[in-house]
N, C-alpha and C. Protein backbone atom coordinates (compact mmCIF):
# COMPACT_ATOMS: atom_id res chain seq x y z
N LEU A 1 0.91 -1.20 -0.07
CA LEU A 1 -0.10 -0.10 0.09
C LEU A 1 0.86 1.15 0.01
N SER A 2 2.03 1.39 0.78
CA SER A 2 2.93 2.34 0.62
C SER A 2 3.39 2.68 -0.50
N PHE A 3 3.67 1.57 -1.26
CA PHE A 3 4.37 1.67 -2.66
C PHE A 3 3.41 2.60 -3.74
N VAL A 4 2.07 2.10 -3.49
CA VAL A 4 1.01 2.52 -4.40
C VAL A 4 0.70 4.16 -3.94
N MET A 5 0.87 4.38 -2.73
CA MET A 5 0.69 5.93 -2.27
C MET A 5 1.84 6.70 -2.69
N ASN A 6 2.89 6.17 -2.53
CA ASN A 6 4.06 6.90 -3.26
C ASN A 6 4.20 7.09 -4.65
N SER A 7 3.75 6.05 -5.29
CA SER A 7 3.51 6.30 -6.68
C SER A 7 2.53 7.38 -7.22
N LEU A 8 1.44 7.22 -6.53
CA LEU A 8 0.30 8.26 -6.89
C LEU A 8 0.93 9.67 -6.29
N TYR A 9 1.45 9.81 -5.35
CA TYR A 9 2.28 10.89 -5.04
C TYR A 9 3.18 11.60 -5.94
N LEU A 10 4.10 10.58 -6.37
CA LEU A 10 4.96 10.99 -7.54
C LEU A 10 4.22 11.26 -8.77
N ALA A 11 3.42 10.69 -9.09
CA ALA A 11 2.61 10.91 -10.48
C ALA A 11 1.82 12.27 -10.44
N THR A 12 1.19 12.52 -9.25
CA THR A 12 0.74 13.93 -9.04
C THR A 12 1.72 15.19 -9.12
N PHE A 13 2.99 14.69 -8.50
CA PHE A 13 3.79 15.86 -8.50
C PHE A 13 4.30 16.08 -9.96
N ALA A 14 4.69 14.95 -10.64
CA ALA A 14 5.04 14.91 -12.08
C ALA A 14 4.12 15.66 -12.89
N LEU A 15 2.89 15.31 -12.73
CA LEU A 15 1.72 16.11 -13.65
C LEU A 15 1.72 17.59 -13.37
N LYS A 16 1.90 18.02 -12.15
CA LYS A 16 2.01 19.37 -11.88
C LYS A 16 3.04 20.09 -12.63
N VAL A 17 4.40 19.27 -12.54
CA VAL A 17 5.57 19.76 -13.28
C VAL A 17 5.60 19.91 -14.87
N VAL A 18 5.08 18.71 -15.44
CA VAL A 18 4.83 18.60 -16.77
C VAL A 18 3.78 19.29 -17.42
N ALA A 19 2.54 19.69 -16.61
CA ALA A 19 1.43 20.14 -17.33
C ALA A 19 1.61 21.48 -17.90
N HIS A 20 2.67 22.07 -17.30
CA HIS A 20 2.85 23.56 -17.93
C HIS A 20 3.54 23.44 -19.22
N ASN A 21 4.12 22.39 -19.67
CA ASN A 21 4.99 22.03 -20.99
C ASN A 21 4.29 21.68 -22.09
N LYS A 22 2.83 21.98 -22.16
CA LYS A 22 2.10 21.70 -23.21
C LYS A 22 2.62 22.56 -24.71
N ILE A 23 2.56 21.82 -25.67
CA ILE A 23 3.24 22.50 -26.94
C ILE A 23 2.21 23.02 -27.58
N SER A 24 2.23 24.27 -27.99
CA SER A 24 1.12 24.93 -28.59
C SER A 24 1.50 25.20 -30.19
N MET A 25 0.93 24.79 -30.92
CA MET A 25 1.00 24.85 -32.56
C MET A 25 1.41 26.35 -32.86
N GLY A 26 0.40 27.20 -32.38
CA GLY A 26 0.51 28.55 -32.80
C GLY A 26 1.72 29.11 -32.22
N GLN A 27 2.12 29.00 -31.09
CA GLN A 27 3.45 29.38 -30.36
C GLN A 27 4.67 28.82 -31.10
N MET A 28 4.60 27.64 -31.51
CA MET A 28 5.65 27.09 -32.25
C MET A 28 6.05 27.66 -33.44
N LEU A 29 4.92 27.95 -34.29
CA LEU A 29 5.09 28.50 -35.50
C LEU A 29 5.60 30.07 -35.26
N GLN A 30 5.04 30.87 -34.36
CA GLN A 30 5.59 31.99 -34.02
C GLN A 30 7.11 31.90 -33.62
N ASP A 31 7.44 31.02 -32.98
CA ASP A 31 8.85 30.97 -32.65
C ASP A 31 9.87 30.58 -33.82
N PHE A 32 9.09 29.53 -34.72
CA PHE A 32 9.86 29.29 -35.91
C PHE A 32 10.03 30.52 -36.98
N GLY A 33 9.14 31.34 -36.80
CA GLY A 33 9.15 32.58 -37.77
C GLY A 33 10.17 33.55 -37.23
N LYS A 34 10.11 33.69 -35.85
CA LYS A 34 11.34 34.50 -35.37
C LYS A 34 12.66 33.88 -35.82
N PHE A 35 12.84 32.61 -35.57
CA PHE A 35 13.92 32.24 -35.79
C PHE A 35 14.56 32.32 -37.17
N LEU A 36 13.38 32.06 -38.12
CA LEU A 36 13.65 32.16 -39.66
C LEU A 36 14.07 33.78 -39.94
N GLY A 37 13.27 34.65 -39.27
CA GLY A 37 13.63 35.94 -39.49
C GLY A 37 15.09 36.35 -38.91
N MET A 38 15.54 35.87 -37.89
CA MET A 38 16.85 36.19 -37.42
C MET A 38 17.73 35.45 -38.22
N PHE A 39 17.48 34.24 -38.88
CA PHE A 39 18.52 33.69 -39.46
C PHE A 39 18.71 34.40 -40.94
N LEU A 40 17.52 34.84 -41.63
CA LEU A 40 17.71 35.46 -42.88
C LEU A 40 18.32 36.93 -42.47
N LEU A 41 18.09 37.54 -41.50
CA LEU A 41 18.64 38.69 -41.22
C LEU A 41 20.37 38.57 -41.08
N VAL A 42 20.77 37.63 -40.52
CA VAL A 42 22.12 37.38 -40.30
C VAL A 42 22.69 36.99 -41.53
N LEU A 43 22.11 36.07 -42.38
CA LEU A 43 22.59 35.62 -43.56
C LEU A 43 22.70 36.80 -44.69
N PHE A 44 21.73 37.79 -44.77
CA PHE A 44 21.83 38.81 -45.45
C PHE A 44 22.86 39.89 -45.11
N SER A 45 23.05 40.11 -43.82
CA SER A 45 23.98 40.85 -43.23
C SER A 45 25.37 40.37 -43.53
N PHE A 46 25.76 39.18 -43.48
CA PHE A 46 26.99 38.65 -43.73
C PHE A 46 27.26 38.62 -45.34
N THR A 47 26.04 38.50 -46.19
CA THR A 47 26.26 38.53 -47.49
C THR A 47 26.58 39.99 -48.11
N ILE A 48 25.75 40.85 -47.49
CA ILE A 48 26.26 42.14 -47.79
C ILE A 48 27.65 42.74 -47.39
N GLY A 49 28.06 42.32 -46.24
CA GLY A 49 29.31 42.58 -45.82
C GLY A 49 30.32 41.95 -46.68
N LEU A 50 30.39 40.78 -46.95
CA LEU A 50 31.43 40.06 -47.78
C LEU A 50 31.35 40.82 -49.20
N THR A 51 30.22 40.92 -49.78
CA THR A 51 30.14 41.51 -51.11
C THR A 51 30.68 42.90 -51.02
N GLN A 52 30.60 43.65 -49.97
CA GLN A 52 31.15 45.00 -50.13
C GLN A 52 32.62 44.80 -49.78
N LEU A 53 33.04 43.77 -49.13
CA LEU A 53 34.55 43.64 -48.69
C LEU A 53 35.27 43.15 -49.83
N TYR A 54 34.63 42.04 -50.74
CA TYR A 54 35.71 41.62 -51.79
C TYR A 54 35.19 42.15 -53.12
N ASP A 55 34.12 42.90 -53.24
CA ASP A 55 33.93 43.66 -54.50
C ASP A 55 34.64 44.98 -54.73
N LYS A 56 35.41 45.37 -53.90
CA LYS A 56 36.06 46.67 -54.21
C LYS A 56 37.31 46.16 -55.25
N GLY A 57 37.38 47.06 -56.31
CA GLY A 57 38.67 46.91 -57.30
C GLY A 57 38.39 45.50 -58.21
N TYR A 58 37.27 45.12 -58.18
CA TYR A 58 36.99 43.95 -58.97
C TYR A 58 36.47 44.36 -60.46
N THR A 59 37.36 44.00 -61.33
CA THR A 59 36.84 44.29 -62.85
C THR A 59 36.81 43.01 -63.50
N SER A 60 35.78 42.83 -64.23
CA SER A 60 35.55 41.69 -64.96
C SER A 60 35.40 42.04 -66.40
N LYS A 61 36.55 42.38 -67.11
CA LYS A 61 36.46 42.90 -68.39
C LYS A 61 37.13 41.93 -69.29
N GLU A 62 37.73 41.06 -68.84
CA GLU A 62 38.37 40.01 -69.63
C GLU A 62 37.36 39.17 -70.30
N GLN A 63 37.43 39.08 -71.72
CA GLN A 63 36.43 38.36 -72.45
C GLN A 63 37.05 36.84 -72.55
N LYS A 64 35.86 35.80 -72.10
CA LYS A 64 36.19 34.46 -72.27
C LYS A 64 35.48 33.88 -73.31
N ASP A 65 35.86 32.83 -73.99
CA ASP A 65 35.16 32.01 -74.81
C ASP A 65 34.22 30.92 -74.23
N CYS A 66 34.47 30.81 -72.96
CA CYS A 66 33.57 29.92 -72.16
C CYS A 66 32.62 30.51 -71.06
N VAL A 67 31.80 29.79 -70.53
CA VAL A 67 30.86 30.27 -69.52
C VAL A 67 30.84 29.42 -68.58
N GLY A 68 30.84 29.92 -67.26
CA GLY A 68 30.72 29.24 -65.96
C GLY A 68 31.54 28.09 -65.49
N ILE A 69 31.07 27.12 -65.33
CA ILE A 69 32.03 25.89 -64.58
C ILE A 69 32.89 25.22 -65.84
N PHE A 70 32.38 25.48 -67.07
CA PHE A 70 33.08 24.87 -68.06
C PHE A 70 34.63 25.58 -68.66
N CYS A 71 34.95 26.72 -67.92
CA CYS A 71 36.11 27.27 -68.26
C CYS A 71 37.29 26.41 -67.67
N GLU A 72 38.41 26.38 -68.59
CA GLU A 72 39.63 25.61 -67.90
C GLU A 72 40.23 26.38 -66.82
N GLN A 73 40.25 27.58 -66.94
CA GLN A 73 40.92 28.56 -65.80
C GLN A 73 39.85 29.17 -64.91
N GLN A 74 39.39 28.61 -63.83
CA GLN A 74 38.51 29.14 -62.99
C GLN A 74 39.13 30.25 -62.06
N SER A 75 38.24 31.16 -61.92
CA SER A 75 38.73 32.31 -60.89
C SER A 75 37.62 32.22 -59.87
N ASN A 76 38.07 32.46 -58.66
CA ASN A 76 37.24 32.37 -57.44
C ASN A 76 36.49 33.64 -57.35
N ASP A 77 35.41 33.96 -57.98
CA ASP A 77 34.80 35.17 -58.02
C ASP A 77 33.31 35.32 -57.25
N THR A 78 33.30 34.18 -56.25
CA THR A 78 32.19 34.03 -55.57
C THR A 78 31.53 35.07 -54.88
N PHE A 79 32.52 35.67 -54.05
CA PHE A 79 32.13 36.85 -53.25
C PHE A 79 31.89 38.41 -53.88
N HIS A 80 31.77 38.19 -55.43
CA HIS A 80 31.80 39.40 -56.08
C HIS A 80 30.46 39.79 -56.73
N SER A 81 29.34 38.95 -56.26
CA SER A 81 27.99 39.40 -56.53
C SER A 81 27.19 38.77 -55.37
N PHE A 82 26.02 39.42 -55.18
CA PHE A 82 25.20 39.29 -53.90
C PHE A 82 24.71 37.92 -53.94
N ILE A 83 24.08 37.40 -55.24
CA ILE A 83 23.60 36.02 -55.14
C ILE A 83 24.71 34.95 -55.04
N GLY A 84 25.73 35.20 -55.55
CA GLY A 84 27.05 34.14 -55.52
C GLY A 84 27.26 34.29 -53.91
N THR A 85 27.32 35.23 -53.25
CA THR A 85 27.76 35.05 -51.78
C THR A 85 26.56 34.48 -51.09
N CYS A 86 25.34 34.75 -51.41
CA CYS A 86 24.19 34.20 -50.66
C CYS A 86 24.28 32.73 -50.74
N PHE A 87 24.55 32.20 -52.11
CA PHE A 87 24.66 30.75 -52.51
C PHE A 87 25.77 29.96 -51.55
N ALA A 88 26.90 30.76 -51.59
CA ALA A 88 28.17 30.37 -50.76
C ALA A 88 27.85 30.22 -49.42
N LEU A 89 27.31 31.30 -48.67
CA LEU A 89 27.19 31.29 -47.20
C LEU A 89 26.20 30.19 -46.93
N PHE A 90 24.97 29.92 -47.59
CA PHE A 90 24.23 28.91 -47.41
C PHE A 90 24.74 27.53 -47.57
N TRP A 91 25.47 27.41 -48.32
CA TRP A 91 26.30 25.93 -48.52
C TRP A 91 27.36 25.73 -47.31
N TYR A 92 28.05 26.78 -47.21
CA TYR A 92 28.99 26.97 -46.08
C TYR A 92 28.38 26.46 -44.78
N ILE A 93 27.12 26.71 -44.41
CA ILE A 93 26.41 26.42 -43.20
C ILE A 93 26.50 24.97 -43.03
N PHE A 94 26.46 24.22 -44.06
CA PHE A 94 26.28 22.77 -44.13
C PHE A 94 27.66 22.08 -44.19
N SER A 95 28.83 23.05 -44.28
CA SER A 95 30.10 22.47 -44.55
C SER A 95 30.27 21.84 -45.91
N LEU A 96 29.47 22.38 -46.84
CA LEU A 96 29.54 21.89 -48.10
C LEU A 96 30.31 22.93 -49.30
N ALA A 97 31.57 23.14 -48.77
CA ALA A 97 32.21 24.30 -49.63
C ALA A 97 32.46 23.97 -51.08
N HIS A 98 32.57 22.56 -51.36
CA HIS A 98 32.80 22.21 -52.71
C HIS A 98 31.69 22.43 -53.63
N VAL A 99 30.57 22.33 -52.97
CA VAL A 99 29.12 22.53 -53.66
C VAL A 99 29.00 24.14 -54.02
N ALA A 100 29.30 24.61 -52.81
CA ALA A 100 29.26 26.22 -52.98
C ALA A 100 30.10 26.83 -53.99
N ILE A 101 31.41 26.16 -54.33
CA ILE A 101 32.31 26.66 -55.45
C ILE A 101 31.67 26.27 -56.82
N PHE A 102 31.04 25.17 -56.83
CA PHE A 102 30.37 24.63 -58.03
C PHE A 102 29.17 25.41 -58.39
N VAL A 103 28.47 25.75 -57.45
CA VAL A 103 27.06 26.21 -57.66
C VAL A 103 27.40 27.72 -57.90
N THR A 104 28.16 28.41 -57.42
CA THR A 104 28.44 29.96 -57.75
C THR A 104 29.29 30.37 -58.97
N ARG A 105 29.64 29.16 -59.60
CA ARG A 105 30.44 29.62 -60.68
C ARG A 105 29.73 29.39 -61.97
N PHE A 106 28.46 30.18 -62.21
CA PHE A 106 27.73 30.11 -63.36
C PHE A 106 27.45 31.59 -63.72
N SER A 107 27.29 31.73 -64.95
CA SER A 107 26.81 33.16 -65.56
C SER A 107 25.60 33.69 -65.06
N TYR A 108 25.50 34.60 -64.51
CA TYR A 108 24.21 35.15 -63.86
C TYR A 108 23.23 35.78 -64.90
N GLY A 109 23.73 35.97 -66.32
CA GLY A 109 22.96 36.53 -67.15
C GLY A 109 22.14 35.31 -67.97
N GLU A 110 22.52 34.10 -67.63
CA GLU A 110 21.75 32.91 -68.49
C GLU A 110 20.27 32.82 -68.09
N GLU A 111 19.72 31.99 -68.73
CA GLU A 111 18.36 31.77 -68.47
C GLU A 111 17.98 31.39 -67.19
N LEU A 112 16.80 31.22 -67.03
CA LEU A 112 16.09 30.77 -65.81
C LEU A 112 16.34 29.31 -65.29
N GLN A 113 16.78 28.41 -66.46
CA GLN A 113 17.15 27.20 -66.26
C GLN A 113 18.59 26.94 -65.24
N SER A 114 19.27 27.98 -65.78
CA SER A 114 20.52 27.90 -64.68
C SER A 114 20.42 28.31 -63.36
N PHE A 115 19.56 29.18 -63.15
CA PHE A 115 19.16 29.63 -61.70
C PHE A 115 18.62 28.59 -61.06
N VAL A 116 17.41 27.92 -61.61
CA VAL A 116 16.70 26.93 -60.85
C VAL A 116 17.83 25.68 -60.76
N GLY A 117 18.58 25.30 -61.73
CA GLY A 117 19.28 24.21 -61.52
C GLY A 117 20.50 24.55 -60.48
N ALA A 118 20.84 25.73 -60.30
CA ALA A 118 21.89 25.92 -59.18
C ALA A 118 21.22 26.07 -57.72
N VAL A 119 19.85 26.40 -57.73
CA VAL A 119 19.32 26.20 -56.31
C VAL A 119 18.90 24.96 -56.17
N ILE A 120 18.55 24.02 -57.06
CA ILE A 120 18.21 22.83 -56.80
C ILE A 120 19.55 21.94 -56.20
């Protein structure tokens, strides 16, 4: 009988403590929205900063007969454009620097297919 009473006491105590931890879907979505907003704010801040830092004095006047990743001599011009920096920082979050280098070396003036392919 003592074991049963102790178990009931422990159960009521646990319910008093745990009952306040109900998960609310609305609150969870608000928290996720706040996190996503802060994440995008930090991502765009670093993107703007890196673009401003590395874009000074960059001139792309040399004519190439090849486009994007198909050139034999590649230049690492990832941080010279806003979208390239955004792609690079996104892939660096997941420690996939090789994907960032591959994805950011395409011509931004190409068709929509290149952009969608790089995002995928």
